[in-house]
Every structure is written in C-alpha cells, then in structure tokens.
Amino acid sequence: MTIIELCNTFSNDDLCRELLERLRWPNKPECPRCKGLVARLVNTPKVLYCKDCDYQFTVTANSIFHDSHLPLIKWFTAVYLLCESRKGMSANQIKRTLGISYKTAWYLCHRIRAAMATAEKSMLYGTVEMDETYVGGIQRGHQHKPGHPECKKQIVIGLRQRGGETRFFHADDAKSGTLAQYIKDNVSEDVDVIVTDEFNAYPPAMKATGLTARHKTIKHKAKVYVDGEVHTNTVESAFSLLKRGIVGTWHRISAKHLAAYLEEMTFRFNRRHSKTLFIDTLRHMVTADPLTFENLTA
C-alpha cells in the first residue's frame, strides 16, 4: 500500500473506525468491561452500548487511541510513515508532515511504540548471535570508555537468530549476570549454537545458563571476523541500522526512552518483509492498554 492508496482507502473517520472494529473484534463487538454483547446507538453509530453494565464506549476506548482528539486518518498516516521508514521517522518530521504540534507528534510516536512493545516474542533457537554495542554522544578522553563513571554512553544488548528474529535491550551493564539473564529470557534451551565475540563476560554467562558446550567465539581482536559459520555479522548489521536511525533520523534519544526506540526498531526489523506490517501495528494499537502523557513523562 502506498500513502496515496492509504488516504483514498481511509478517506474519512468512519472507514478508519470500521477497520479498527474488525481488528479489535474479529467476530462481534463486545464490552471491554464485562465482555457482553453490545448494541450500536442509532443516532451516533460510532458509540456502542452494553446493556448488562450500562456502559457506552467506542472502538478506541481503553486502547492506545484512548482520549485522543486527533483525526484517525492522521493516526493511520503516522503509523504508515513509521512502518515504511527503514530507519524510523522523527517526531519533528511527523509534525511537519501531519501539520500538528511537536508535543502531539512526540506523544503520538511513543504511543505507537508502546503498542509495538506488546507484540509476543518467541524464544530464539537454531544459531543465535549475541553482541553488545554502545550508543550516545561523542565524549573525549578516557571518560568515554564504557565502565568509566563519567561515561554517558548507553549499553544495548543484541540477540539475533539467523533467519529469524532480532532482540535489542537497553541494559544497565554488560556483566556476566546481566547477559545470562537476557539469554535465559530469550534463548531456547535447545539452541544449536550461540555465537559471541571474545568479550570476557560471555564465558561465565554461558556457564550460568548451561550453554558452554554450544558457545562459539569469534576473535575480533585477532582480526578474525568470519570463521566458517562462526561470526556475529548478522547481529552487527542490525546494530548498524539502529545507529543509522539514531544518527540520521532521531538525532537525539534520551536514556529514559531508549528502550521504546529499541522496541520500535526490532518490531519493524522483524517484520520488514511482511506485507501486513501496517495492519499488524494497528491491531496491536487497538488492543494495547492506554499510555497517558503523565505516565510517559513521569
């Protein structure tokens, strides 16, 4: 779908609501409170009424769209732009494209990211690569090195299954215990091989997860980057795209919201070949819990 087709297909609010209703309730609309059957009010068709609990609501109630006064076509366009932009879309660009304020655009983007974060994540298996990288502004001198108390760079842990999904995590540190926990939470016990570089925290992390026998190491310090099937090039290519997004699109990301940007990047990256990325995003948005501005900025 092109942006012209999007605007033609969803040219008014009613058409947008019709799609959201089909995504939220594939069978019949039901009450979000008691799950009972509902009726549509004659005078205001967009409003649904549950007789059992005397509750009136619309398809956007208790979802990411909750309490938004923005026309749904602008929501749909913002979702389309975020999904179709390989390196992401900045709130400033959304602001200019949709003709809304920066605050609205920023909040809009974060609500879409919050919906993306609710997607189910299966355990990784087969051959899995693991690596860490550091993002943040340029710092001069010895204080730029990770681990230094004055270093402002943020740690991102990456896991990528070859031929499968990618995971990014904003980590507090890159110690063996932290790495082991990410492995336990995301990598199947039946994984065939887990490949890392020679970072000294990986061997104890593998020992803690019982994967020492399936751990393979590529020795970057010896300028060896590929040894047969042993390499971390796959996860590093995903890191490269992430950093292009930070440098070329978002420009500045606060440490507080870094995890949200990582969720967006992984959601889009894992579905980059899917023809239903736009619809999948809307489905998560209409079923996810609301994100208030107060909670976002707390």
C-alpha atoms as a PDB file:
ATOM      1  CA  MET A   1       0.000   0.000   0.000  1.00  0.00           C
ATOM      2  CA  THR A   2       1.244   3.470  -0.896  1.00  0.00           C
ATOM      3  CA  ILE A   3       0.448   6.606   1.074  1.00  0.00           C
ATOM      4  CA  ILE A   4      -1.894   7.711  -1.756  1.00  0.00           C
ATOM      5  CA  GLU A   5      -3.777   4.406  -1.509  1.00  0.00           C
ATOM      6  CA  LEU A   6      -3.906   4.790   2.268  1.00  0.00           C
ATOM      7  CA  CYS A   7      -5.540   8.216   2.067  1.00  0.00           C
ATOM      8  CA  ASN A   8      -8.003   7.037  -0.610  1.00  0.00           C
ATOM      9  CA  THR A   9      -8.935   3.854   1.255  1.00  0.00           C
ATOM     10  CA  PHE A  10      -9.389   5.552   4.625  1.00  0.00           C
ATOM     11  CA  SER A  11     -10.684   8.914   3.464  1.00  0.00           C
ATOM     12  CA  ASN A  12     -12.910   9.530   6.485  1.00  0.00           C
ATOM     13  CA  ASP A  13     -13.244   8.697  10.158  1.00  0.00           C
ATOM     14  CA  ASP A  14     -15.978   6.088   9.643  1.00  0.00           C
ATOM     15  CA  LEU A  15     -13.813   3.982   7.336  1.00  0.00           C
ATOM     16  CA  CYS A  16     -10.953   4.088   9.864  1.00  0.00           C
ATOM     17  CA  ARG A  17     -13.271   3.021  12.673  1.00  0.00           C
ATOM     18  CA  GLU A  18     -14.647   0.178  10.583  1.00  0.00           C
ATOM     19  CA  LEU A  19     -11.150  -1.275  10.173  1.00  0.00           C
ATOM     20  CA  LEU A  20     -10.318  -0.842  13.866  1.00  0.00           C
ATOM     21  CA  GLU A  21     -13.541  -2.625  14.853  1.00  0.00           C
ATOM     22  CA  ARG A  22     -12.662  -5.584  12.630  1.00  0.00           C
ATOM     23  CA  LEU A  23      -9.169  -5.725  14.128  1.00  0.00           C
ATOM     24  CA  ARG A  24     -10.323  -5.423  17.734  1.00  0.00           C
ATOM     25  CA  TRP A  25     -13.369  -7.676  17.460  1.00  0.00           C
ATOM     26  CA  PRO A  26     -12.925 -10.205  14.618  1.00  0.00           C
ATOM     27  CA  ASN A  27     -16.320 -11.780  15.391  1.00  0.00           C
ATOM     28  CA  LYS A  28     -18.705  -9.310  17.058  1.00  0.00           C
ATOM     29  CA  PRO A  29     -18.129  -6.169  19.161  1.00  0.00           C
ATOM     30  CA  GLU A  30     -18.073  -6.893  22.873  1.00  0.00           C
ATOM     31  CA  CYS A  31     -17.994  -4.776  26.015  1.00  0.00           C
ATOM     32  CA  PRO A  32     -14.441  -4.088  27.261  1.00  0.00           C
ATOM     33  CA  ARG A  33     -15.715  -4.230  30.844  1.00  0.00           C
ATOM     34  CA  CYS A  34     -17.921  -7.332  31.070  1.00  0.00           C
ATOM     35  CA  LYS A  35     -17.266  -8.909  27.631  1.00  0.00           C
ATOM     36  CA  GLY A  36     -21.026  -8.901  26.979  1.00  0.00           C
ATOM     37  CA  LEU A  37     -22.724  -8.315  23.640  1.00  0.00           C
ATOM     38  CA  VAL A  38     -23.376  -4.702  22.722  1.00  0.00           C
ATOM     39  CA  ALA A  39     -25.702  -2.634  20.546  1.00  0.00           C
ATOM     40  CA  ARG A  40     -24.929   0.333  18.326  1.00  0.00           C
ATOM     41  CA  LEU A  41     -26.680   3.617  19.128  1.00  0.00           C
ATOM     42  CA  VAL A  42     -28.905   4.739  16.255  1.00  0.00           C
ATOM     43  CA  ASN A  43     -28.168   8.472  16.452  1.00  0.00           C
ATOM     44  CA  THR A  44     -24.423   8.044  16.968  1.00  0.00           C
ATOM     45  CA  PRO A  45     -23.338   4.822  15.187  1.00  0.00           C
ATOM     46  CA  LYS A  46     -19.748   5.069  16.384  1.00  0.00           C
ATOM     47  CA  VAL A  47     -20.924   4.698  20.008  1.00  0.00           C
ATOM     48  CA  LEU A  48     -21.583   1.185  21.313  1.00  0.00           C
ATOM     49  CA  TYR A  49     -23.738   0.406  24.340  1.00  0.00           C
ATOM     50  CA  CYS A  50     -23.630  -2.523  26.752  1.00  0.00           C
ATOM     51  CA  LYS A  51     -26.961  -3.082  28.477  1.00  0.00           C
ATOM     52  CA  ASP A  52     -25.516  -5.515  31.026  1.00  0.00           C
ATOM     53  CA  CYS A  53     -23.188  -2.979  32.675  1.00  0.00           C
ATOM     54  CA  ASP A  54     -24.736   0.240  31.291  1.00  0.00           C
ATOM     55  CA  TYR A  55     -21.508   1.306  29.584  1.00  0.00           C
ATOM     56  CA  GLN A  56     -21.125   3.419  26.461  1.00  0.00           C
ATOM     57  CA  PHE A  57     -17.861   3.266  24.531  1.00  0.00           C
ATOM     58  CA  THR A  58     -16.257   3.419  21.099  1.00  0.00           C
ATOM     59  CA  VAL A  59     -13.727   1.158  19.395  1.00  0.00           C
ATOM     60  CA  THR A  60     -10.856   3.397  20.567  1.00  0.00           C
ATOM     61  CA  ALA A  61     -11.799   3.205  24.270  1.00  0.00           C
ATOM     62  CA  ASN A  62      -9.161   1.698  26.586  1.00  0.00           C
ATOM     63  CA  SER A  63      -6.668   1.394  23.756  1.00  0.00           C
ATOM     64  CA  ILE A  64      -3.634   3.354  22.534  1.00  0.00           C
ATOM     65  CA  PHE A  65      -6.109   5.732  20.840  1.00  0.00           C
ATOM     66  CA  HIS A  66      -7.839   6.450  24.170  1.00  0.00           C
ATOM     67  CA  ASP A  67      -8.737  10.130  24.790  1.00  0.00           C
ATOM     68  CA  SER A  68      -7.142  11.252  21.518  1.00  0.00           C
ATOM     69  CA  HIS A  69      -8.837  14.087  19.615  1.00  0.00           C
ATOM     70  CA  LEU A  70      -6.606  13.621  16.575  1.00  0.00           C
ATOM     71  CA  PRO A  71      -8.461  12.501  13.410  1.00  0.00           C
ATOM     72  CA  LEU A  72      -7.962   8.798  12.801  1.00  0.00           C
ATOM     73  CA  ILE A  73      -6.625   9.393   9.295  1.00  0.00           C
ATOM     74  CA  LYS A  74      -3.715  11.296  10.895  1.00  0.00           C
ATOM     75  CA  TRP A  75      -3.150   8.365  13.242  1.00  0.00           C
ATOM     76  CA  PHE A  76      -3.187   5.976  10.287  1.00  0.00           C
ATOM     77  CA  THR A  77      -0.771   8.166   8.329  1.00  0.00           C
ATOM     78  CA  ALA A  78       1.634   8.356  11.278  1.00  0.00           C
ATOM     79  CA  VAL A  79       1.565   4.557  11.636  1.00  0.00           C
ATOM     80  CA  TYR A  80       2.204   4.177   7.916  1.00  0.00           C
ATOM     81  CA  LEU A  81       5.168   6.570   7.994  1.00  0.00           C
ATOM     82  CA  LEU A  82       6.768   4.810  10.971  1.00  0.00           C
ATOM     83  CA  CYS A  83       6.258   1.378   9.412  1.00  0.00           C
ATOM     84  CA  GLU A  84       7.543   2.282   5.957  1.00  0.00           C
ATOM     85  CA  SER A  85      10.616   4.230   7.106  1.00  0.00           C
ATOM     86  CA  ARG A  86      13.515   1.782   7.265  1.00  0.00           C
ATOM     87  CA  LYS A  87      15.468   3.935   9.722  1.00  0.00           C
ATOM     88  CA  GLY A  88      12.457   5.306  11.563  1.00  0.00           C
ATOM     89  CA  MET A  89      10.698   8.655  11.471  1.00  0.00           C
ATOM     90  CA  SER A  90      11.391  11.545  13.836  1.00  0.00           C
ATOM     91  CA  ALA A  91       8.645  13.359  15.734  1.00  0.00           C
ATOM     92  CA  ASN A  92       9.760  16.564  14.013  1.00  0.00           C
ATOM     93  CA  GLN A  93       9.142  15.003  10.610  1.00  0.00           C
ATOM     94  CA  ILE A  94       5.750  13.680  11.740  1.00  0.00           C
ATOM     95  CA  LYS A  95       4.945  17.185  12.978  1.00  0.00           C
ATOM     96  CA  ARG A  96       5.715  18.746   9.597  1.00  0.00           C
ATOM     97  CA  THR A  97       4.020  16.022   7.566  1.00  0.00           C
ATOM     98  CA  LEU A  98       0.757  15.926   9.533  1.00  0.00           C
ATOM     99  CA  GLY A  99       0.601  19.620  10.454  1.00  0.00           C
ATOM    100  CA  ILE A 100       0.412  19.041  14.205  1.00  0.00           C
ATOM    101  CA  SER A 101       2.394  20.337  17.173  1.00  0.00           C
ATOM    102  CA  TYR A 102       5.698  18.747  18.181  1.00  0.00           C
ATOM    103  CA  LYS A 103       4.268  17.684  21.557  1.00  0.00           C
ATOM    104  CA  THR A 104       1.384  15.877  19.831  1.00  0.00           C
ATOM    105  CA  ALA A 105       3.736  14.230  17.322  1.00  0.00           C
ATOM    106  CA  TRP A 106       6.149  13.097  20.051  1.00  0.00           C
ATOM    107  CA  TYR A 107       3.325  11.645  22.158  1.00  0.00           C
ATOM    108  CA  LEU A 108       1.791  10.048  19.075  1.00  0.00           C
ATOM    109  CA  CYS A 109       5.040   8.266  18.148  1.00  0.00           C
ATOM    110  CA  HIS A 110       5.574   6.990  21.675  1.00  0.00           C
ATOM    111  CA  ARG A 111       2.056   5.559  21.835  1.00  0.00           C
ATOM    112  CA  ILE A 112       2.676   3.676  18.603  1.00  0.00           C
ATOM    113  CA  ARG A 113       5.955   2.356  20.056  1.00  0.00           C
ATOM    114  CA  ALA A 114       4.148   1.293  23.240  1.00  0.00           C
ATOM    115  CA  ALA A 115       1.751  -0.779  21.114  1.00  0.00           C
ATOM    116  CA  MET A 116       4.642  -2.355  19.220  1.00  0.00           C
ATOM    117  CA  ALA A 117       6.195  -3.379  22.541  1.00  0.00           C
ATOM    118  CA  THR A 118       3.148  -5.548  23.352  1.00  0.00           C
ATOM    119  CA  ALA A 119       3.872  -7.951  20.484  1.00  0.00           C
ATOM    120  CA  GLU A 120       4.542 -11.525  21.580  1.00  0.00           C
ATOM    121  CA  LYS A 121       8.154 -12.653  21.379  1.00  0.00           C
ATOM    122  CA  SER A 122       9.006 -16.298  20.862  1.00  0.00           C
ATOM    123  CA  MET A 123      12.188 -17.901  22.157  1.00  0.00           C
ATOM    124  CA  LEU A 124      15.157 -17.801  19.795  1.00  0.00           C
ATOM    125  CA  TYR A 125      16.601 -21.104  18.552  1.00  0.00           C
ATOM    126  CA  GLY A 126      18.927 -22.525  15.907  1.00  0.00           C
ATOM    127  CA  THR A 127      22.051 -20.372  15.559  1.00  0.00           C
ATOM    128  CA  VAL A 128      21.849 -17.244  17.697  1.00  0.00           C
ATOM    129  CA  GLU A 129      24.341 -14.383  17.682  1.00  0.00           C
ATOM    130  CA  MET A 130      24.848 -12.139  20.701  1.00  0.00           C
ATOM    131  CA  ASP A 131      26.733  -8.869  20.907  1.00  0.00           C
ATOM    132  CA  GLU A 132      26.777  -5.578  22.763  1.00  0.00           C
ATOM    133  CA  THR A 133      27.157  -2.037  21.492  1.00  0.00           C
ATOM    134  CA  TYR A 134      27.220   1.456  22.950  1.00  0.00           C
ATOM    135  CA  VAL A 135      25.168   4.442  21.822  1.00  0.00           C
ATOM    136  CA  GLY A 136      25.392   8.058  22.894  1.00  0.00           C
ATOM    137  CA  GLY A 137      27.120  11.329  22.191  1.00  0.00           C
ATOM    138  CA  ILE A 138      30.804  11.801  21.455  1.00  0.00           C
ATOM    139  CA  GLN A 139      33.000  12.063  24.539  1.00  0.00           C
ATOM    140  CA  ARG A 140      36.668  12.938  24.514  1.00  0.00           C
ATOM    141  CA  GLY A 141      39.389  11.491  26.699  1.00  0.00           C
ATOM    142  CA  HIS A 142      39.472   8.428  28.904  1.00  0.00           C
ATOM    143  CA  GLN A 143      35.978   9.074  30.301  1.00  0.00           C
ATOM    144  CA  HIS A 144      34.367   7.939  27.031  1.00  0.00           C
ATOM    145  CA  LYS A 145      35.281   4.314  27.709  1.00  0.00           C
ATOM    146  CA  PRO A 146      32.375   2.075  28.825  1.00  0.00           C
ATOM    147  CA  GLY A 147      32.545   1.337  32.525  1.00  0.00           C
ATOM    148  CA  HIS A 148      34.019   4.720  33.423  1.00  0.00           C
ATOM    149  CA  PRO A 149      31.758   6.544  35.936  1.00  0.00           C
ATOM    150  CA  GLU A 150      31.623   9.626  33.687  1.00  0.00           C
ATOM    151  CA  CYS A 151      30.784   7.697  30.521  1.00  0.00           C
ATOM    152  CA  LYS A 152      27.353   8.721  29.243  1.00  0.00           C
ATOM    153  CA  LYS A 153      27.084   6.046  26.586  1.00  0.00           C
ATOM    154  CA  GLN A 154      24.222   3.580  26.935  1.00  0.00           C
ATOM    155  CA  ILE A 155      24.598  -0.182  26.588  1.00  0.00           C
ATOM    156  CA  VAL A 156      22.475  -2.049  24.047  1.00  0.00           C
ATOM    157  CA  ILE A 157      22.476  -5.852  24.075  1.00  0.00           C
ATOM    158  CA  GLY A 158      21.579  -7.546  20.795  1.00  0.00           C
ATOM    159  CA  LEU A 159      20.393 -11.089  20.111  1.00  0.00           C
ATOM    160  CA  ARG A 160      19.657 -12.294  16.604  1.00  0.00           C
ATOM    161  CA  GLN A 161      18.585 -15.683  15.358  1.00  0.00           C
ATOM    162  CA  ARG A 162      19.938 -16.387  11.892  1.00  0.00           C
ATOM    163  CA  GLY A 163      16.959 -16.452   9.584  1.00  0.00           C
ATOM    164  CA  GLY A 164      14.754 -15.372  12.495  1.00  0.00           C
ATOM    165  CA  GLU A 165      14.017 -12.552  14.875  1.00  0.00           C
ATOM    166  CA  THR A 166      16.165  -9.875  16.485  1.00  0.00           C
ATOM    167  CA  ARG A 167      16.039  -8.504  20.032  1.00  0.00           C
ATOM    168  CA  PHE A 168      17.525  -5.259  21.372  1.00  0.00           C
ATOM    169  CA  PHE A 169      17.707  -4.404  25.068  1.00  0.00           C
ATOM    170  CA  HIS A 170      18.776  -1.300  26.947  1.00  0.00           C
ATOM    171  CA  ALA A 171      20.982  -2.747  29.691  1.00  0.00           C
ATOM    172  CA  ASP A 172      22.339  -1.167  32.853  1.00  0.00           C
ATOM    173  CA  ASP A 173      25.628  -3.005  32.413  1.00  0.00           C
ATOM    174  CA  ALA A 174      27.287  -5.762  30.395  1.00  0.00           C
ATOM    175  CA  LYS A 175      28.264  -8.001  33.313  1.00  0.00           C
ATOM    176  CA  SER A 176      28.010 -11.756  33.022  1.00  0.00           C
ATOM    177  CA  GLY A 177      24.937 -11.956  35.278  1.00  0.00           C
ATOM    178  CA  THR A 178      23.065  -9.422  33.130  1.00  0.00           C
ATOM    179  CA  LEU A 179      23.995 -11.211  29.915  1.00  0.00           C
ATOM    180  CA  ALA A 180      22.979 -14.566  31.401  1.00  0.00           C
ATOM    181  CA  GLN A 181      19.538 -13.227  32.299  1.00  0.00           C
ATOM    182  CA  TYR A 182      18.907 -11.958  28.753  1.00  0.00           C
ATOM    183  CA  ILE A 183      19.927 -15.378  27.427  1.00  0.00           C
ATOM    184  CA  LYS A 184      17.593 -17.203  29.824  1.00  0.00           C
ATOM    185  CA  ASP A 185      14.660 -14.928  28.946  1.00  0.00           C
ATOM    186  CA  ASN A 186      15.080 -15.006  25.181  1.00  0.00           C
ATOM    187  CA  VAL A 187      17.066 -18.031  24.011  1.00  0.00           C
ATOM    188  CA  SER A 188      15.673 -21.559  23.977  1.00  0.00           C
ATOM    189  CA  GLU A 189      17.465 -24.238  25.983  1.00  0.00           C
ATOM    190  CA  ASP A 190      17.519 -26.277  22.752  1.00  0.00           C
ATOM    191  CA  VAL A 191      19.519 -23.653  20.846  1.00  0.00           C
ATOM    192  CA  ASP A 192      22.059 -25.241  18.484  1.00  0.00           C
ATOM    193  CA  VAL A 193      24.838 -22.646  18.703  1.00  0.00           C
ATOM    194  CA  ILE A 194      25.236 -19.264  20.354  1.00  0.00           C
ATOM    195  CA  VAL A 195      27.980 -17.108  18.826  1.00  0.00           C
ATOM    196  CA  THR A 196      29.681 -14.138  20.506  1.00  0.00           C
ATOM    197  CA  ASP A 197      32.930 -12.229  20.303  1.00  0.00           C
ATOM    198  CA  GLU A 198      35.686 -12.686  22.884  1.00  0.00           C
ATOM    199  CA  PHE A 199      34.266 -10.221  25.441  1.00  0.00           C
ATOM    200  CA  ASN A 200      35.289 -11.695  28.810  1.00  0.00           C
ATOM    201  CA  ALA A 201      31.764 -11.607  30.310  1.00  0.00           C
ATOM    202  CA  TYR A 202      30.389 -14.181  27.862  1.00  0.00           C
ATOM    203  CA  PRO A 203      32.078 -17.403  29.138  1.00  0.00           C
ATOM    204  CA  PRO A 204      30.711 -17.046  32.709  1.00  0.00           C
ATOM    205  CA  ALA A 205      27.313 -16.039  31.272  1.00  0.00           C
ATOM    206  CA  MET A 206      27.257 -19.205  29.174  1.00  0.00           C
ATOM    207  CA  LYS A 207      28.277 -21.262  32.186  1.00  0.00           C
ATOM    208  CA  ALA A 208      25.412 -19.790  34.220  1.00  0.00           C
ATOM    209  CA  THR A 209      22.921 -20.737  31.510  1.00  0.00           C
ATOM    210  CA  GLY A 210      24.364 -24.194  30.844  1.00  0.00           C
ATOM    211  CA  LEU A 211      25.276 -23.343  27.239  1.00  0.00           C
ATOM    212  CA  THR A 212      29.066 -23.549  27.475  1.00  0.00           C
ATOM    213  CA  ALA A 213      29.232 -26.584  25.167  1.00  0.00           C
ATOM    214  CA  ARG A 214      27.237 -24.736  22.495  1.00  0.00           C
ATOM    215  CA  HIS A 215      29.114 -21.446  22.778  1.00  0.00           C
ATOM    216  CA  LYS A 216      31.348 -20.448  19.851  1.00  0.00           C
ATOM    217  CA  THR A 217      33.642 -17.400  19.875  1.00  0.00           C
ATOM    218  CA  ILE A 218      34.903 -15.252  17.014  1.00  0.00           C
ATOM    219  CA  LYS A 219      38.184 -13.490  17.806  1.00  0.00           C
ATOM    220  CA  HIS A 220      37.803  -9.904  16.623  1.00  0.00           C
ATOM    221  CA  LYS A 221      40.952  -8.777  18.438  1.00  0.00           C
ATOM    222  CA  ALA A 222      42.952 -11.112  16.235  1.00  0.00           C
ATOM    223  CA  LYS A 223      41.221  -9.508  13.208  1.00  0.00           C
ATOM    224  CA  VAL A 224      39.244 -12.666  12.527  1.00  0.00           C
ATOM    225  CA  TYR A 225      35.668 -11.728  11.591  1.00  0.00           C
ATOM    226  CA  VAL A 226      34.398 -14.889   9.889  1.00  0.00           C
ATOM    227  CA  ASP A 227      35.427 -18.464  10.638  1.00  0.00           C
ATOM    228  CA  GLY A 228      33.089 -20.677   8.655  1.00  0.00           C
ATOM    229  CA  GLU A 229      29.673 -20.321  10.313  1.00  0.00           C
ATOM    230  CA  VAL A 230      31.166 -18.576  13.353  1.00  0.00           C
ATOM    231  CA  HIS A 231      30.608 -14.811  13.131  1.00  0.00           C
ATOM    232  CA  THR A 232      28.481 -12.030  14.593  1.00  0.00           C
ATOM    233  CA  ASN A 233      27.977 -10.153  11.330  1.00  0.00           C
ATOM    234  CA  THR A 234      24.229 -10.740  11.345  1.00  0.00           C
ATOM    235  CA  VAL A 235      23.542  -9.023  14.654  1.00  0.00           C
ATOM    236  CA  GLU A 236      26.095  -6.315  13.846  1.00  0.00           C
ATOM    237  CA  SER A 237      24.227  -5.456  10.643  1.00  0.00           C
ATOM    238  CA  ALA A 238      21.108  -4.893  12.760  1.00  0.00           C
ATOM    239  CA  PHE A 239      23.159  -2.674  15.104  1.00  0.00           C
ATOM    240  CA  SER A 240      24.297  -0.710  12.051  1.00  0.00           C
ATOM    241  CA  LEU A 241      20.709   0.022  11.032  1.00  0.00           C
ATOM    242  CA  LEU A 242      19.869   1.061  14.592  1.00  0.00           C
ATOM    243  CA  LYS A 243      22.756   3.517  14.697  1.00  0.00           C
ATOM    244  CA  ARG A 244      21.815   4.933  11.280  1.00  0.00           C
ATOM    245  CA  GLY A 245      18.380   5.592  12.743  1.00  0.00           C
ATOM    246  CA  ILE A 246      19.859   7.349  15.774  1.00  0.00           C
ATOM    247  CA  VAL A 247      22.359   9.436  13.811  1.00  0.00           C
ATOM    248  CA  GLY A 248      20.326  10.142  10.695  1.00  0.00           C
ATOM    249  CA  THR A 249      16.705  10.176  11.864  1.00  0.00           C
ATOM    250  CA  TRP A 250      16.136  10.644  15.595  1.00  0.00           C
ATOM    251  CA  HIS A 251      19.428  12.540  16.203  1.00  0.00           C
ATOM    252  CA  ARG A 252      18.927  12.568  19.976  1.00  0.00           C
ATOM    253  CA  ILE A 253      17.472   9.859  22.183  1.00  0.00           C
ATOM    254  CA  SER A 254      17.251  10.183  25.948  1.00  0.00           C
ATOM    255  CA  ALA A 255      18.380   7.224  28.025  1.00  0.00           C
ATOM    256  CA  LYS A 256      14.924   7.166  29.603  1.00  0.00           C
ATOM    257  CA  HIS A 257      13.156   6.420  26.306  1.00  0.00           C
ATOM    258  CA  LEU A 258      15.888   4.394  24.584  1.00  0.00           C
ATOM    259  CA  ALA A 259      14.072   1.117  25.288  1.00  0.00           C
ATOM    260  CA  ALA A 260      10.981   2.392  23.431  1.00  0.00           C
ATOM    261  CA  TYR A 261      13.031   3.173  20.313  1.00  0.00           C
ATOM    262  CA  LEU A 262      14.644  -0.267  20.522  1.00  0.00           C
ATOM    263  CA  GLU A 263      11.183  -1.866  20.647  1.00  0.00           C
ATOM    264  CA  GLU A 264      10.138   0.065  17.546  1.00  0.00           C
ATOM    265  CA  MET A 265      13.294  -0.871  15.673  1.00  0.00           C
ATOM    266  CA  THR A 266      13.006  -4.586  16.472  1.00  0.00           C
ATOM    267  CA  PHE A 267       9.265  -4.671  15.712  1.00  0.00           C
ATOM    268  CA  ARG A 268       9.804  -3.147  12.277  1.00  0.00           C
ATOM    269  CA  PHE A 269      13.008  -5.062  11.566  1.00  0.00           C
ATOM    270  CA  ASN A 270      11.476  -8.447  12.351  1.00  0.00           C
ATOM    271  CA  ARG A 271       8.538  -7.690  10.020  1.00  0.00           C
ATOM    272  CA  ARG A 272      10.459  -5.884   7.292  1.00  0.00           C
ATOM    273  CA  HIS A 273       9.356  -8.413   4.658  1.00  0.00           C
ATOM    274  CA  SER A 274       5.759  -8.618   5.869  1.00  0.00           C
ATOM    275  CA  LYS A 275       3.013  -7.182   3.683  1.00  0.00           C
ATOM    276  CA  THR A 276       0.773  -6.807   6.736  1.00  0.00           C
ATOM    277  CA  LEU A 277       3.113  -4.663   8.869  1.00  0.00           C
ATOM    278  CA  PHE A 278       0.721  -1.685   8.814  1.00  0.00           C
ATOM    279  CA  ILE A 279      -2.315  -3.815   9.769  1.00  0.00           C
ATOM    280  CA  ASP A 280      -0.341  -5.694  12.444  1.00  0.00           C
ATOM    281  CA  THR A 281       0.671  -2.396  14.037  1.00  0.00           C
ATOM    282  CA  LEU A 282      -2.927  -1.143  14.108  1.00  0.00           C
ATOM    283  CA  ARG A 283      -4.045  -4.458  15.624  1.00  0.00           C
ATOM    284  CA  HIS A 284      -1.618  -4.050  18.494  1.00  0.00           C
ATOM    285  CA  MET A 285      -2.629  -0.402  18.942  1.00  0.00           C
ATOM    286  CA  VAL A 286      -6.326  -1.144  19.255  1.00  0.00           C
ATOM    287  CA  THR A 287      -5.769  -3.985  21.746  1.00  0.00           C
ATOM    288  CA  ALA A 288      -2.968  -2.468  23.870  1.00  0.00           C
ATOM    289  CA  ASP A 289      -3.585  -0.627  27.123  1.00  0.00           C
ATOM    290  CA  PRO A 290      -3.651   3.196  27.044  1.00  0.00           C
ATOM    291  CA  LEU A 291      -0.448   5.175  27.604  1.00  0.00           C
ATOM    292  CA  THR A 292      -1.126   8.514  29.300  1.00  0.00           C
ATOM    293  CA  PHE A 293       1.115  11.527  28.819  1.00  0.00           C
ATOM    294  CA  GLU A 294       1.623  11.704  32.594  1.00  0.00           C
ATOM    295  CA  ASN A 295       2.979   8.156  32.736  1.00  0.00           C
ATOM    296  CA  LEU A 296       5.152   8.717  29.667  1.00  0.00           C
ATOM    297  CA  THR A 297       6.785  11.803  31.137  1.00  0.00           C
ATOM    298  CA  ALA A 298       6.853  10.731  34.792  1.00  0.00           C
END
